[in-house]
PDB file of all heavy atoms in Angstrom:
ATOM      1  N   VAL A   1      -8.976   7.118  18.384  1.00  0.00           N
ATOM      2  CA  VAL A   1      -8.690   6.428  17.149  1.00  0.00           C
ATOM      3  C   VAL A   1      -8.178   5.040  17.518  1.00  0.00           C
ATOM      4  O   VAL A   1      -7.368   4.814  18.426  1.00  0.00           O
ATOM      5  CB  VAL A   1      -7.589   7.081  16.360  1.00  0.00           C
ATOM      6  CG1 VAL A   1      -7.311   6.312  15.063  1.00  0.00           C
ATOM      7  CG2 VAL A   1      -8.013   8.548  16.013  1.00  0.00           C
ATOM      8  N   ASP A   2      -8.717   4.006  16.897  1.00  0.00           N
ATOM      9  CA  ASP A   2      -8.242   2.667  17.114  1.00  0.00           C
ATOM     10  C   ASP A   2      -6.704   2.516  16.862  1.00  0.00           C
ATOM     11  O   ASP A   2      -6.326   2.918  15.762  1.00  0.00           O
ATOM     12  CB  ASP A   2      -9.070   1.704  16.206  1.00  0.00           C
ATOM     13  CG  ASP A   2      -8.771   0.202  16.597  1.00  0.00           C
ATOM     14  OD1 ASP A   2      -7.785  -0.062  17.335  1.00  0.00           O
ATOM     15  OD2 ASP A   2      -9.650  -0.693  16.306  1.00  0.00           O
ATOM     16  N   GLU A   3      -6.009   1.950  17.791  1.00  0.00           N
ATOM     17  CA  GLU A   3      -4.549   1.861  17.634  1.00  0.00           C
ATOM     18  C   GLU A   3      -4.234   1.060  16.332  1.00  0.00           C
ATOM     19  O   GLU A   3      -3.169   1.309  15.697  1.00  0.00           O
ATOM     20  CB  GLU A   3      -3.971   1.086  18.785  1.00  0.00           C
ATOM     21  CG  GLU A   3      -3.843   1.894  20.131  1.00  0.00           C
ATOM     22  CD  GLU A   3      -2.748   2.899  20.099  1.00  0.00           C
ATOM     23  OE1 GLU A   3      -1.575   2.494  19.844  1.00  0.00           O
ATOM     24  OE2 GLU A   3      -3.029   4.023  20.288  1.00  0.00           O
ATOM     25  N   GLU A   4      -5.005   0.160  15.953  1.00  0.00           N
ATOM     26  CA  GLU A   4      -4.732  -0.693  14.798  1.00  0.00           C
ATOM     27  C   GLU A   4      -4.808   0.163  13.530  1.00  0.00           C
ATOM     28  O   GLU A   4      -4.138  -0.186  12.494  1.00  0.00           O
ATOM     29  CB  GLU A   4      -5.694  -1.865  14.687  1.00  0.00           C
ATOM     30  CG  GLU A   4      -5.541  -2.937  15.730  1.00  0.00           C
ATOM     31  CD  GLU A   4      -6.412  -4.101  15.584  1.00  0.00           C
ATOM     32  OE1 GLU A   4      -7.207  -4.112  14.621  1.00  0.00           O
ATOM     33  OE2 GLU A   4      -6.357  -5.037  16.448  1.00  0.00           O
ATOM     34  N   GLN A   5      -5.516   1.286  13.555  1.00  0.00           N
ATOM     35  CA  GLN A   5      -5.624   2.131  12.351  1.00  0.00           C
ATOM     36  C   GLN A   5      -4.269   2.750  12.065  1.00  0.00           C
ATOM     37  O   GLN A   5      -3.962   2.886  10.896  1.00  0.00           O
ATOM     38  CB  GLN A   5      -6.746   3.148  12.545  1.00  0.00           C
ATOM     39  CG  GLN A   5      -8.135   2.577  12.631  1.00  0.00           C
ATOM     40  CD  GLN A   5      -9.185   3.722  12.774  1.00  0.00           C
ATOM     41  OE1 GLN A   5      -8.936   4.823  12.260  1.00  0.00           O
ATOM     42  NE2 GLN A   5     -10.292   3.372  13.351  1.00  0.00           N
ATOM     43  N   TYR A   6      -3.587   3.155  13.106  1.00  0.00           N
ATOM     44  CA  TYR A   6      -2.282   3.733  12.944  1.00  0.00           C
ATOM     45  C   TYR A   6      -1.350   2.764  12.215  1.00  0.00           C
ATOM     46  O   TYR A   6      -0.638   3.027  11.212  1.00  0.00           O
ATOM     47  CB  TYR A   6      -1.620   4.143  14.183  1.00  0.00           C
ATOM     48  CG  TYR A   6      -2.400   5.248  14.992  1.00  0.00           C
ATOM     49  CD1 TYR A   6      -2.651   5.038  16.355  1.00  0.00           C
ATOM     50  CD2 TYR A   6      -2.715   6.385  14.407  1.00  0.00           C
ATOM     51  CE1 TYR A   6      -3.350   6.043  17.072  1.00  0.00           C
ATOM     52  CE2 TYR A   6      -3.475   7.424  15.113  1.00  0.00           C
ATOM     53  CZ  TYR A   6      -3.726   7.130  16.503  1.00  0.00           C
ATOM     54  OH  TYR A   6      -4.422   8.161  17.200  1.00  0.00           O
ATOM     55  N   GLU A   7      -1.330   1.527  12.814  1.00  0.00           N
ATOM     56  CA  GLU A   7      -0.420   0.465  12.215  1.00  0.00           C
ATOM     57  C   GLU A   7      -0.818   0.115  10.892  1.00  0.00           C
ATOM     58  O   GLU A   7       0.017  -0.114  10.002  1.00  0.00           O
ATOM     59  CB  GLU A   7      -0.404  -0.722  13.205  1.00  0.00           C
ATOM     60  CG  GLU A   7       0.677  -1.732  12.798  1.00  0.00           C
ATOM     61  CD  GLU A   7       0.995  -2.711  13.898  1.00  0.00           C
ATOM     62  OE1 GLU A   7       0.431  -2.519  15.105  1.00  0.00           O
ATOM     63  OE2 GLU A   7       1.807  -3.569  13.653  1.00  0.00           O
ATOM     64  N   THR A   8      -2.120   0.052  10.645  1.00  0.00           N
ATOM     65  CA  THR A   8      -2.603  -0.289   9.242  1.00  0.00           C
ATOM     66  C   THR A   8      -2.181   0.688   8.218  1.00  0.00           C
ATOM     67  O   THR A   8      -1.681   0.408   7.117  1.00  0.00           O
ATOM     68  CB  THR A   8      -4.106  -0.458   9.204  1.00  0.00           C
ATOM     69  OG1 THR A   8      -4.588  -1.480  10.140  1.00  0.00           O
ATOM     70  CG2 THR A   8      -4.614  -0.807   7.796  1.00  0.00           C
ATOM     71  N   LEU A   9      -2.311   2.013   8.642  1.00  0.00           N
ATOM     72  CA  LEU A   9      -1.902   3.047   7.659  1.00  0.00           C
ATOM     73  C   LEU A   9      -0.389   3.016   7.443  1.00  0.00           C
ATOM     74  O   LEU A   9       0.036   3.118   6.323  1.00  0.00           O
ATOM     75  CB  LEU A   9      -2.302   4.398   8.304  1.00  0.00           C
ATOM     76  CG  LEU A   9      -1.881   5.706   7.520  1.00  0.00           C
ATOM     77  CD1 LEU A   9      -2.519   5.748   6.091  1.00  0.00           C
ATOM     78  CD2 LEU A   9      -2.227   6.923   8.279  1.00  0.00           C
ATOM     79  N   LEU A  10       0.422   2.815   8.502  1.00  0.00           N
ATOM     80  CA  LEU A  10       1.859   2.797   8.260  1.00  0.00           C
ATOM     81  C   LEU A  10       2.238   1.569   7.425  1.00  0.00           C
ATOM     82  O   LEU A  10       3.130   1.692   6.548  1.00  0.00           O
ATOM     83  CB  LEU A  10       2.511   2.728   9.656  1.00  0.00           C
ATOM     84  CG  LEU A  10       4.068   2.721   9.622  1.00  0.00           C
ATOM     85  CD1 LEU A  10       4.627   3.959   8.823  1.00  0.00           C
ATOM     86  CD2 LEU A  10       4.604   2.658  11.013  1.00  0.00           C
ATOM     87  N   SER A  11       1.606   0.462   7.687  1.00  0.00           N
ATOM     88  CA  SER A  11       1.901  -0.743   6.979  1.00  0.00           C
ATOM     89  C   SER A  11       1.633  -0.641   5.426  1.00  0.00           C
ATOM     90  O   SER A  11       2.352  -1.059   4.608  1.00  0.00           O
ATOM     91  CB  SER A  11       1.133  -1.975   7.598  1.00  0.00           C
ATOM     92  OG  SER A  11       1.564  -2.256   8.894  1.00  0.00           O
ATOM     93  N   ARG A  12       0.491  -0.019   5.183  1.00  0.00           N
ATOM     94  CA  ARG A  12       0.064   0.185   3.803  1.00  0.00           C
ATOM     95  C   ARG A  12       1.041   1.136   3.088  1.00  0.00           C
ATOM     96  O   ARG A  12       1.408   0.877   1.945  1.00  0.00           O
ATOM     97  CB  ARG A  12      -1.322   0.794   3.672  1.00  0.00           C
ATOM     98  CG  ARG A  12      -2.475  -0.228   3.996  1.00  0.00           C
ATOM     99  CD  ARG A  12      -3.801   0.422   3.829  1.00  0.00           C
ATOM    100  NE  ARG A  12      -3.932   0.903   2.493  1.00  0.00           N
ATOM    101  CZ  ARG A  12      -4.900   1.932   2.099  1.00  0.00           C
ATOM    102  NH1 ARG A  12      -5.597   2.467   3.096  1.00  0.00           N
ATOM    103  NH2 ARG A  12      -4.957   2.276   0.872  1.00  0.00           N
ATOM    104  N   TYR A  13       1.501   2.158   3.907  1.00  0.00           N
ATOM    105  CA  TYR A  13       2.511   3.079   3.277  1.00  0.00           C
ATOM    106  C   TYR A  13       3.790   2.375   2.938  1.00  0.00           C
ATOM    107  O   TYR A  13       4.285   2.474   1.805  1.00  0.00           O
ATOM    108  CB  TYR A  13       2.689   4.197   4.256  1.00  0.00           C
ATOM    109  CG  TYR A  13       3.874   5.101   3.899  1.00  0.00           C
ATOM    110  CD1 TYR A  13       3.889   5.927   2.713  1.00  0.00           C
ATOM    111  CD2 TYR A  13       5.028   5.099   4.712  1.00  0.00           C
ATOM    112  CE1 TYR A  13       4.971   6.703   2.433  1.00  0.00           C
ATOM    113  CE2 TYR A  13       6.105   5.959   4.322  1.00  0.00           C
ATOM    114  CZ  TYR A  13       6.040   6.636   3.238  1.00  0.00           C
ATOM    115  OH  TYR A  13       7.131   7.467   2.847  1.00  0.00           O
ATOM    116  N   ILE A  14       4.289   1.653   3.942  1.00  0.00           N
ATOM    117  CA  ILE A  14       5.552   0.895   3.700  1.00  0.00           C
ATOM    118  C   ILE A  14       5.474  -0.086   2.564  1.00  0.00           C
ATOM    119  O   ILE A  14       6.389  -0.191   1.694  1.00  0.00           O
ATOM    120  CB  ILE A  14       6.038   0.174   4.928  1.00  0.00           C
ATOM    121  CG1 ILE A  14       6.337   1.231   6.080  1.00  0.00           C
ATOM    122  CG2 ILE A  14       7.357  -0.618   4.693  1.00  0.00           C
ATOM    123  CD1 ILE A  14       7.449   2.283   5.785  1.00  0.00           C
ATOM    124  N   GLU A  15       4.310  -0.819   2.491  1.00  0.00           N
ATOM    125  CA  GLU A  15       4.138  -1.709   1.428  1.00  0.00           C
ATOM    126  C   GLU A  15       4.124  -1.065   0.066  1.00  0.00           C
ATOM    127  O   GLU A  15       4.739  -1.609  -0.873  1.00  0.00           O
ATOM    128  CB  GLU A  15       2.736  -2.406   1.664  1.00  0.00           C
ATOM    129  CG  GLU A  15       2.410  -3.557   0.662  1.00  0.00           C
ATOM    130  CD  GLU A  15       1.028  -4.131   1.012  1.00  0.00           C
ATOM    131  OE1 GLU A  15       0.186  -3.343   1.354  1.00  0.00           O
ATOM    132  OE2 GLU A  15       0.867  -5.343   0.864  1.00  0.00           O
ATOM    133  N   ASN A  16       3.484   0.043  -0.094  1.00  0.00           N
ATOM    134  CA  ASN A  16       3.462   0.774  -1.372  1.00  0.00           C
ATOM    135  C   ASN A  16       4.809   1.305  -1.738  1.00  0.00           C
ATOM    136  O   ASN A  16       5.236   1.283  -2.845  1.00  0.00           O
ATOM    137  CB  ASN A  16       2.434   1.891  -1.262  1.00  0.00           C
ATOM    138  CG  ASN A  16       0.980   1.440  -1.591  1.00  0.00           C
ATOM    139  OD1 ASN A  16       0.530   1.475  -2.712  1.00  0.00           O
ATOM    140  ND2 ASN A  16       0.326   1.041  -0.515  1.00  0.00           N
ATOM    141  N   VAL A  17       5.533   1.792  -0.654  1.00  0.00           N
ATOM    142  CA  VAL A  17       6.894   2.314  -0.938  1.00  0.00           C
ATOM    143  C   VAL A  17       7.801   1.191  -1.387  1.00  0.00           C
ATOM    144  O   VAL A  17       8.539   1.420  -2.396  1.00  0.00           O
ATOM    145  CB  VAL A  17       7.470   2.932   0.351  1.00  0.00           C
ATOM    146  CG1 VAL A  17       9.049   3.197   0.227  1.00  0.00           C
ATOM    147  CG2 VAL A  17       6.805   4.310   0.636  1.00  0.00           C
ATOM    148  N   VAL A  18       7.818   0.029  -0.785  1.00  0.00           N
ATOM    149  CA  VAL A  18       8.644  -1.056  -1.206  1.00  0.00           C
ATOM    150  C   VAL A  18       8.339  -1.464  -2.676  1.00  0.00           C
ATOM    151  O   VAL A  18       9.265  -1.635  -3.523  1.00  0.00           O
ATOM    152  CB  VAL A  18       8.488  -2.295  -0.300  1.00  0.00           C
ATOM    153  CG1 VAL A  18       9.175  -3.507  -0.891  1.00  0.00           C
ATOM    154  CG2 VAL A  18       9.037  -1.971   1.106  1.00  0.00           C
ATOM    155  N   ALA A  19       7.103  -1.511  -2.972  1.00  0.00           N
ATOM    156  CA  ALA A  19       6.696  -1.889  -4.432  1.00  0.00           C
ATOM    157  C   ALA A  19       7.137  -0.779  -5.366  1.00  0.00           C
ATOM    158  O   ALA A  19       7.612  -1.154  -6.532  1.00  0.00           O
ATOM    159  CB  ALA A  19       5.234  -2.086  -4.482  1.00  0.00           C
ATOM    160  N   GLN A  20       6.998   0.523  -4.963  1.00  0.00           N
ATOM    161  CA  GLN A  20       7.380   1.560  -5.898  1.00  0.00           C
ATOM    162  C   GLN A  20       8.894   1.516  -6.166  1.00  0.00           C
ATOM    163  O   GLN A  20       9.344   1.707  -7.315  1.00  0.00           O
ATOM    164  CB  GLN A  20       6.961   2.877  -5.284  1.00  0.00           C
ATOM    165  CG  GLN A  20       6.998   4.065  -6.289  1.00  0.00           C
ATOM    166  CD  GLN A  20       8.275   4.877  -6.087  1.00  0.00           C
ATOM    167  OE1 GLN A  20       8.990   4.761  -5.058  1.00  0.00           O
ATOM    168  NE2 GLN A  20       8.626   5.587  -7.140  1.00  0.00           N
ATOM    169  N   VAL A  21       9.702   1.331  -5.104  1.00  0.00           N
ATOM    170  CA  VAL A  21      11.163   1.349  -5.256  1.00  0.00           C
ATOM    171  C   VAL A  21      11.605   0.159  -6.070  1.00  0.00           C
ATOM    172  O   VAL A  21      12.521   0.257  -6.974  1.00  0.00           O
ATOM    173  CB  VAL A  21      11.872   1.349  -3.903  1.00  0.00           C
ATOM    174  CG1 VAL A  21      13.357   1.136  -4.000  1.00  0.00           C
ATOM    175  CG2 VAL A  21      11.601   2.629  -3.132  1.00  0.00           C
ATOM    176  N   LYS A  22      10.955  -0.958  -5.826  1.00  0.00           N
ATOM    177  CA  LYS A  22      11.325  -2.201  -6.648  1.00  0.00           C
ATOM    178  C   LYS A  22      10.682  -2.237  -8.039  1.00  0.00           C
ATOM    179  O   LYS A  22      10.902  -3.157  -8.743  1.00  0.00           O
ATOM    180  CB  LYS A  22      10.954  -3.456  -5.806  1.00  0.00           C
ATOM    181  CG  LYS A  22      11.745  -3.698  -4.548  1.00  0.00           C
ATOM    182  CD  LYS A  22      11.329  -4.932  -3.987  1.00  0.00           C
ATOM    183  CE  LYS A  22      12.189  -5.329  -2.787  1.00  0.00           C
ATOM    184  NZ  LYS A  22      11.788  -6.626  -2.186  1.00  0.00           N
ATOM    185  N   ARG A  23       9.838  -1.213  -8.314  1.00  0.00           N
ATOM    186  CA  ARG A  23       9.109  -1.163  -9.560  1.00  0.00           C
ATOM    187  C   ARG A  23       8.222  -2.422  -9.738  1.00  0.00           C
ATOM    188  O   ARG A  23       8.273  -3.075 -10.810  1.00  0.00           O
ATOM    189  CB  ARG A  23      10.106  -1.004 -10.716  1.00  0.00           C
ATOM    190  CG  ARG A  23      10.967   0.227 -10.680  1.00  0.00           C
ATOM    191  CD  ARG A  23      11.871   0.460 -11.836  1.00  0.00           C
ATOM    192  NE  ARG A  23      12.736   1.552 -11.708  1.00  0.00           N
ATOM    193  CZ  ARG A  23      12.404   2.860 -11.827  1.00  0.00           C
ATOM    194  NH1 ARG A  23      11.193   3.181 -12.127  1.00  0.00           N
ATOM    195  NH2 ARG A  23      13.284   3.787 -11.656  1.00  0.00           N
ATOM    196  N   GLU A  24       7.552  -2.730  -8.689  1.00  0.00           N
ATOM    197  CA  GLU A  24       6.628  -3.900  -8.719  1.00  0.00           C
ATOM    198  C   GLU A  24       5.198  -3.418  -8.532  1.00  0.00           C
ATOM    199  O   GLU A  24       4.958  -2.267  -8.200  1.00  0.00           O
ATOM    200  CB  GLU A  24       6.945  -4.865  -7.571  1.00  0.00           C
ATOM    201  CG  GLU A  24       8.380  -5.469  -7.684  1.00  0.00           C
ATOM    202  CD  GLU A  24       8.720  -6.362  -6.490  1.00  0.00           C
ATOM    203  OE1 GLU A  24       7.925  -6.191  -5.466  1.00  0.00           O
ATOM    204  OE2 GLU A  24       9.685  -7.032  -6.553  1.00  0.00           O
ATOM    205  N   LYS A  25       4.235  -4.330  -8.870  1.00  0.00           N
ATOM    206  CA  LYS A  25       2.815  -4.038  -8.678  1.00  0.00           C
ATOM    207  C   LYS A  25       2.314  -4.730  -7.396  1.00  0.00           C
ATOM    208  O   LYS A  25       2.875  -5.705  -6.897  1.00  0.00           O
ATOM    209  CB  LYS A  25       1.986  -4.508  -9.881  1.00  0.00           C
ATOM    210  CG  LYS A  25       2.262  -3.683 -11.147  1.00  0.00           C
ATOM    211  CD  LYS A  25       1.305  -4.138 -12.273  1.00  0.00           C
ATOM    212  CE  LYS A  25       1.576  -3.300 -13.504  1.00  0.00           C
ATOM    213  NZ  LYS A  25       0.632  -3.710 -14.642  1.00  0.00           N
ATOM    214  N   LEU A  26       1.192  -4.213  -6.843  1.00  0.00           N
ATOM    215  CA  LEU A  26       0.627  -4.725  -5.591  1.00  0.00           C
ATOM    216  C   LEU A  26      -0.681  -5.450  -5.985  1.00  0.00           C
ATOM    217  O   LEU A  26      -1.459  -4.967  -6.822  1.00  0.00           O
ATOM    218  CB  LEU A  26       0.339  -3.603  -4.628  1.00  0.00           C
ATOM    219  CG  LEU A  26       1.498  -2.936  -4.028  1.00  0.00           C
ATOM    220  CD1 LEU A  26       1.108  -1.732  -3.197  1.00  0.00           C
ATOM    221  CD2 LEU A  26       2.269  -3.969  -3.096  1.00  0.00           C
ATOM    222  N   TYR A  27      -0.876  -6.555  -5.290  1.00  0.00           N
ATOM    223  CA  TYR A  27      -2.068  -7.379  -5.508  1.00  0.00           C
ATOM    224  C   TYR A  27      -3.275  -6.724  -4.675  1.00  0.00           C
ATOM    225  O   TYR A  27      -3.169  -6.531  -3.526  1.00  0.00           O
ATOM    226  CB  TYR A  27      -1.861  -8.763  -5.097  1.00  0.00           C
ATOM    227  CG  TYR A  27      -3.114  -9.649  -5.236  1.00  0.00           C
ATOM    228  CD1 TYR A  27      -3.586 -10.063  -6.559  1.00  0.00           C
ATOM    229  CD2 TYR A  27      -3.889 -10.138  -4.173  1.00  0.00           C
ATOM    230  CE1 TYR A  27      -4.690 -10.834  -6.709  1.00  0.00           C
ATOM    231  CE2 TYR A  27      -4.965 -10.886  -4.382  1.00  0.00           C
ATOM    232  CZ  TYR A  27      -5.400 -11.331  -5.569  1.00  0.00           C
ATOM    233  OH  TYR A  27      -6.527 -12.036  -5.777  1.00  0.00           O
ATOM    234  N   ASN A  28      -4.333  -6.349  -5.372  1.00  0.00           N
ATOM    235  CA  ASN A  28      -5.559  -5.804  -4.769  1.00  0.00           C
ATOM    236  C   ASN A  28      -6.539  -6.997  -4.423  1.00  0.00           C
ATOM    237  O   ASN A  28      -7.077  -7.667  -5.339  1.00  0.00           O
ATOM    238  CB  ASN A  28      -6.226  -4.809  -5.695  1.00  0.00           C
ATOM    239  CG  ASN A  28      -7.321  -4.079  -4.994  1.00  0.00           C
ATOM    240  OD1 ASN A  28      -8.137  -4.651  -4.180  1.00  0.00           O
ATOM    241  ND2 ASN A  28      -7.456  -2.827  -5.340  1.00  0.00           N
ATOM    242  N   LYS A  29      -6.721  -7.245  -3.198  1.00  0.00           N
ATOM    243  CA  LYS A  29      -7.538  -8.370  -2.660  1.00  0.00           C
ATOM    244  C   LYS A  29      -8.994  -8.227  -3.125  1.00  0.00           C
ATOM    245  O   LYS A  29      -9.751  -9.122  -3.348  1.00  0.00           O
ATOM    246  CB  LYS A  29      -7.496  -8.637  -1.203  1.00  0.00           C
ATOM    247  CG  LYS A  29      -6.061  -9.032  -0.664  1.00  0.00           C
ATOM    248  CD  LYS A  29      -6.062  -9.205   0.819  1.00  0.00           C
ATOM    249  CE  LYS A  29      -4.709  -9.582   1.278  1.00  0.00           C
ATOM    250  NZ  LYS A  29      -4.682  -9.698   2.751  1.00  0.00           N
ATOM    251  N   ILE A  30      -9.442  -6.968  -3.274  1.00  0.00           N
ATOM    252  CA  ILE A  30     -10.864  -6.672  -3.609  1.00  0.00           C
ATOM    253  C   ILE A  30     -11.166  -6.920  -5.044  1.00  0.00           C
ATOM    254  O   ILE A  30     -12.092  -7.644  -5.400  1.00  0.00           O
ATOM    255  CB  ILE A  30     -11.241  -5.230  -3.245  1.00  0.00           C
ATOM    256  CG1 ILE A  30     -11.085  -5.034  -1.679  1.00  0.00           C
ATOM    257  CG2 ILE A  30     -12.594  -4.893  -3.603  1.00  0.00           C
ATOM    258  CD1 ILE A  30     -11.354  -3.654  -1.194  1.00  0.00           C
ATOM    259  N   THR A  31     -10.263  -6.364  -5.955  1.00  0.00           N
ATOM    260  CA  THR A  31     -10.441  -6.530  -7.390  1.00  0.00           C
ATOM    261  C   THR A  31      -9.782  -7.791  -7.935  1.00  0.00           C
ATOM    262  O   THR A  31     -10.212  -8.228  -9.000  1.00  0.00           O
ATOM    263  CB  THR A  31      -9.882  -5.287  -8.131  1.00  0.00           C
ATOM    264  OG1 THR A  31      -8.489  -5.273  -7.943  1.00  0.00           O
ATOM    265  CG2 THR A  31     -10.449  -3.939  -7.619  1.00  0.00           C
ATOM    266  N   GLY A  32      -8.875  -8.299  -7.216  1.00  0.00           N
ATOM    267  CA  GLY A  32      -8.143  -9.545  -7.756  1.00  0.00           C
ATOM    268  C   GLY A  32      -7.168  -9.141  -8.765  1.00  0.00           C
ATOM    269  O   GLY A  32      -6.665 -10.046  -9.479  1.00  0.00           O
ATOM    270  N   ASN A  33      -6.797  -7.911  -8.910  1.00  0.00           N
ATOM    271  CA  ASN A  33      -5.881  -7.471  -9.982  1.00  0.00           C
ATOM    272  C   ASN A  33      -4.566  -6.983  -9.285  1.00  0.00           C
ATOM    273  O   ASN A  33      -4.544  -6.532  -8.158  1.00  0.00           O
ATOM    274  CB  ASN A  33      -6.487  -6.376 -10.815  1.00  0.00           C
ATOM    275  CG  ASN A  33      -7.673  -6.912 -11.524  1.00  0.00           C
ATOM    276  OD1 ASN A  33      -7.766  -8.012 -12.021  1.00  0.00           O
ATOM    277  ND2 ASN A  33      -8.750  -5.963 -11.636  1.00  0.00           N
ATOM    278  N   TYR A  34      -3.466  -6.934 -10.127  1.00  0.00           N
ATOM    279  CA  TYR A  34      -2.245  -6.340  -9.712  1.00  0.00           C
ATOM    280  C   TYR A  34      -2.237  -4.850 -10.130  1.00  0.00           C
ATOM    281  O   TYR A  34      -2.524  -4.570 -11.335  1.00  0.00           O
ATOM    282  CB  TYR A  34      -1.083  -7.095 -10.277  1.00  0.00           C
ATOM    283  CG  TYR A  34      -0.750  -8.358  -9.650  1.00  0.00           C
ATOM    284  CD1 TYR A  34      -1.335  -9.591 -10.050  1.00  0.00           C
ATOM    285  CD2 TYR A  34       0.081  -8.462  -8.493  1.00  0.00           C
ATOM    286  CE1 TYR A  34      -1.093 -10.758  -9.400  1.00  0.00           C
ATOM    287  CE2 TYR A  34       0.337  -9.606  -7.833  1.00  0.00           C
ATOM    288  CZ  TYR A  34      -0.267 -10.777  -8.336  1.00  0.00           C
ATOM    289  OH  TYR A  34       0.009 -11.922  -7.643  1.00  0.00           O
ATOM    290  N   GLU A  35      -1.961  -3.906  -9.275  1.00  0.00           N
ATOM    291  CA  GLU A  35      -2.111  -2.480  -9.562  1.00  0.00           C
ATOM    292  C   GLU A  35      -0.794  -1.783  -9.187  1.00  0.00           C
ATOM    293  O   GLU A  35       0.010  -2.263  -8.386  1.00  0.00           O
ATOM    294  CB  GLU A  35      -3.278  -1.888  -8.822  1.00  0.00           C
ATOM    295  CG  GLU A  35      -4.623  -2.565  -9.098  1.00  0.00           C
ATOM    296  CD  GLU A  35      -5.764  -2.073  -8.193  1.00  0.00           C
ATOM    297  OE1 GLU A  35      -5.407  -1.307  -7.215  1.00  0.00           O
ATOM    298  OE2 GLU A  35      -6.885  -2.457  -8.355  1.00  0.00           O
ATOM    299  N   GLN A  36      -0.645  -0.566  -9.724  1.00  0.00           N
ATOM    300  CA  GLN A  36       0.458   0.287  -9.416  1.00  0.00           C
ATOM    301  C   GLN A  36       0.397   0.770  -8.034  1.00  0.00           C
ATOM    302  O   GLN A  36      -0.678   0.947  -7.421  1.00  0.00           O
ATOM    303  CB  GLN A  36       0.532   1.468 -10.376  1.00  0.00           C
ATOM    304  CG  GLN A  36       0.801   1.127 -11.856  1.00  0.00           C
ATOM    305  CD  GLN A  36       2.206   0.538 -11.985  1.00  0.00           C
ATOM    306  OE1 GLN A  36       3.137   0.887 -11.201  1.00  0.00           O
ATOM    307  NE2 GLN A  36       2.469  -0.152 -13.080  1.00  0.00           N
ATOM    308  N   PRO A  37       1.549   1.059  -7.351  1.00  0.00           N
ATOM    309  CA  PRO A  37       1.469   1.602  -5.941  1.00  0.00           C
ATOM    310  C   PRO A  37       0.684   2.840  -5.923  1.00  0.00           C
ATOM    311  O   PRO A  37       0.721   3.646  -6.930  1.00  0.00           O
ATOM    312  CB  PRO A  37       3.004   1.831  -5.715  1.00  0.00           C
ATOM    313  CG  PRO A  37       3.771   0.879  -6.548  1.00  0.00           C
ATOM    314  CD  PRO A  37       2.945   0.783  -7.768  1.00  0.00           C
ATOM    315  N   ASN A  38      -0.002   3.044  -4.785  1.00  0.00           N
ATOM    316  CA  ASN A  38      -0.895   4.248  -4.613  1.00  0.00           C
ATOM    317  C   ASN A  38      -0.086   5.462  -4.278  1.00  0.00           C
ATOM    318  O   ASN A  38       0.301   5.615  -3.128  1.00  0.00           O
ATOM    319  CB  ASN A  38      -1.878   3.931  -3.583  1.00  0.00           C
ATOM    320  CG  ASN A  38      -3.030   4.980  -3.499  1.00  0.00           C
ATOM    321  OD1 ASN A  38      -2.760   6.110  -3.795  1.00  0.00           O
ATOM    322  ND2 ASN A  38      -4.170   4.532  -2.964  1.00  0.00           N
ATOM    323  N   GLU A  39       0.152   6.347  -5.216  1.00  0.00           N
ATOM    324  CA  GLU A  39       1.015   7.496  -5.054  1.00  0.00           C
ATOM    325  C   GLU A  39       0.286   8.529  -4.159  1.00  0.00           C
ATOM    326  O   GLU A  39       0.961   9.193  -3.365  1.00  0.00           O
ATOM    327  CB  GLU A  39       1.315   8.169  -6.403  1.00  0.00           C
ATOM    328  CG  GLU A  39       2.310   9.327  -6.425  1.00  0.00           C
ATOM    329  CD  GLU A  39       3.702   8.827  -5.973  1.00  0.00           C
ATOM    330  OE1 GLU A  39       4.085   7.717  -6.313  1.00  0.00           O
ATOM    331  OE2 GLU A  39       4.384   9.613  -5.243  1.00  0.00           O
ATOM    332  N   ASN A  40      -1.046   8.630  -4.270  1.00  0.00           N
ATOM    333  CA  ASN A  40      -1.756   9.553  -3.409  1.00  0.00           C
ATOM    334  C   ASN A  40      -1.568   9.228  -1.965  1.00  0.00           C
ATOM    335  O   ASN A  40      -1.418   9.999  -1.038  1.00  0.00           O
ATOM    336  CB  ASN A  40      -3.222   9.565  -3.806  1.00  0.00           C
ATOM    337  CG  ASN A  40      -3.402  10.290  -5.112  1.00  0.00           C
ATOM    338  OD1 ASN A  40      -2.657  11.154  -5.530  1.00  0.00           O
ATOM    339  ND2 ASN A  40      -4.475   9.830  -5.859  1.00  0.00           N
ATOM    340  N   LEU A  41      -1.665   7.913  -1.626  1.00  0.00           N
ATOM    341  CA  LEU A  41      -1.532   7.381  -0.264  1.00  0.00           C
ATOM    342  C   LEU A  41      -0.166   7.684   0.293  1.00  0.00           C
ATOM    343  O   LEU A  41      -0.010   8.242   1.422  1.00  0.00           O
ATOM    344  CB  LEU A  41      -1.826   5.885  -0.103  1.00  0.00           C
ATOM    345  CG  LEU A  41      -1.338   5.157   1.194  1.00  0.00           C
ATOM    346  CD1 LEU A  41      -2.316   5.641   2.281  1.00  0.00           C
ATOM    347  CD2 LEU A  41      -1.456   3.690   1.083  1.00  0.00           C
ATOM    348  N   MET A  42       0.846   7.447  -0.543  1.00  0.00           N
ATOM    349  CA  MET A  42       2.257   7.707  -0.078  1.00  0.00           C
ATOM    350  C   MET A  42       2.478   9.166   0.119  1.00  0.00           C
ATOM    351  O   MET A  42       3.141   9.574   1.109  1.00  0.00           O
ATOM    352  CB  MET A  42       3.245   7.117  -1.151  1.00  0.00           C
ATOM    353  CG  MET A  42       3.250   5.651  -1.256  1.00  0.00           C
ATOM    354  SD  MET A  42       4.537   5.024  -2.368  1.00  0.00           S
ATOM    355  CE  MET A  42       3.863   5.406  -3.930  1.00  0.00           C
ATOM    356  N   ARG A  43       1.918  10.059  -0.754  1.00  0.00           N
ATOM    357  CA  ARG A  43       2.113  11.436  -0.530  1.00  0.00           C
ATOM    358  C   ARG A  43       1.434  11.980   0.677  1.00  0.00           C
ATOM    359  O   ARG A  43       1.969  12.854   1.446  1.00  0.00           O
ATOM    360  CB  ARG A  43       1.501  12.225  -1.785  1.00  0.00           C
ATOM    361  CG  ARG A  43       2.328  12.028  -3.090  1.00  0.00           C
ATOM    362  CD  ARG A  43       3.575  12.810  -3.098  1.00  0.00           C
ATOM    363  NE  ARG A  43       4.282  12.731  -4.396  1.00  0.00           N
ATOM    364  CZ  ARG A  43       5.476  13.260  -4.550  1.00  0.00           C
ATOM    365  NH1 ARG A  43       6.047  13.993  -3.617  1.00  0.00           N
ATOM    366  NH2 ARG A  43       6.107  13.070  -5.710  1.00  0.00           N
TER     367      ARG A  43
END
């Protein structure tokens, strides 16, 4: 497994957790919209 994949997964998890705790939305670069934290990813 590419080492960067581990770090990418962990970074995405932490990013979603921070947004969820602060009750903020995350910017989706693909859609260009602000979205709710990904609960499935965090779980």
